[in-house]
Amino acid sequence: MRLFAFLLQLAATAVMLAAPPAQNKVAYQRRVDEVRRTPGFVALWDFVKREDGIAGNGRFDAHQAPGDRHDFRLDAVNYVRDYWNQGRAATYEDFPLLGRGPFGQAIQLKVESEGDFRPCLLVPRQRLHDSGLDVKGPKRSVSMVVWLIRESGNHAIAGIWHEGTDLAGAAGPALRVEHGMRQYALFAGLAANNGANAVHVSENGGSSFGDRYARTPAIWPSRPK
């Protein structure tokens, strides 16, 4: 089993996470160490660790298994700009800190207000290739752990999932056309799942069940209201 964890809290179409107050560094490290001791552990993004240290302002980085040295730093990207050359560039300013969460800090994904601005935090696919996150092939498994609070909206929470820009859609043809490269991902609020959270796994990277998308969901209940 391969395990990676995103410690996320969602609010108002938002993902939030943590940077520890100085007085809680011991408790923070204890929690991180507990996750890293999980058998099969690969990576943990707690939105506390930065490329220039816990107190830094660089990109969010992942805690990794002992001996692993992959580049799992999260880039801020507006995928509409990347594939359709529309909208402004995303920066870390688009993910404000909220000062809360299980690790002491949080970021927020704000409600979208611009049709050509879809910001996300990601690791470019080439940096994931053949790492422990690149789960593929027969008799392989993956576990994903996410702490989140979702209030509204449809979200791709975490995973390796690229629907492809060769699909016909309202946005029109992409300038950068790529086929789907779907592996596994966590979603929340998809209409087909009646607002529940779900994990999708793609057998071949393409669509399934006669749909344009890949759907192999395992659904668990949303948080009671």
Foldseek 3Di string as FASTA:
>chain_A
DAEEEEAWAADQNKTKAAQADPVCPVVLVVVVVVQLPPPNYAWYFRVQAAPVGSPDDHFGAIDGHPPDDFGWGWAKAFVLCVWAVDDDGGHCVQFDKDQDGPNGIMTINHDDDDPSGDIDIGDPPVSCPPGSQPFDDPPTDYDYYYHYHHDDDKDFDDHDWDLWQVDDDPVGRIPDGDHFQGAKTWMAQDVVVVRFIWMFGANPRAPDPPDRHHGDIDTDGHDDD
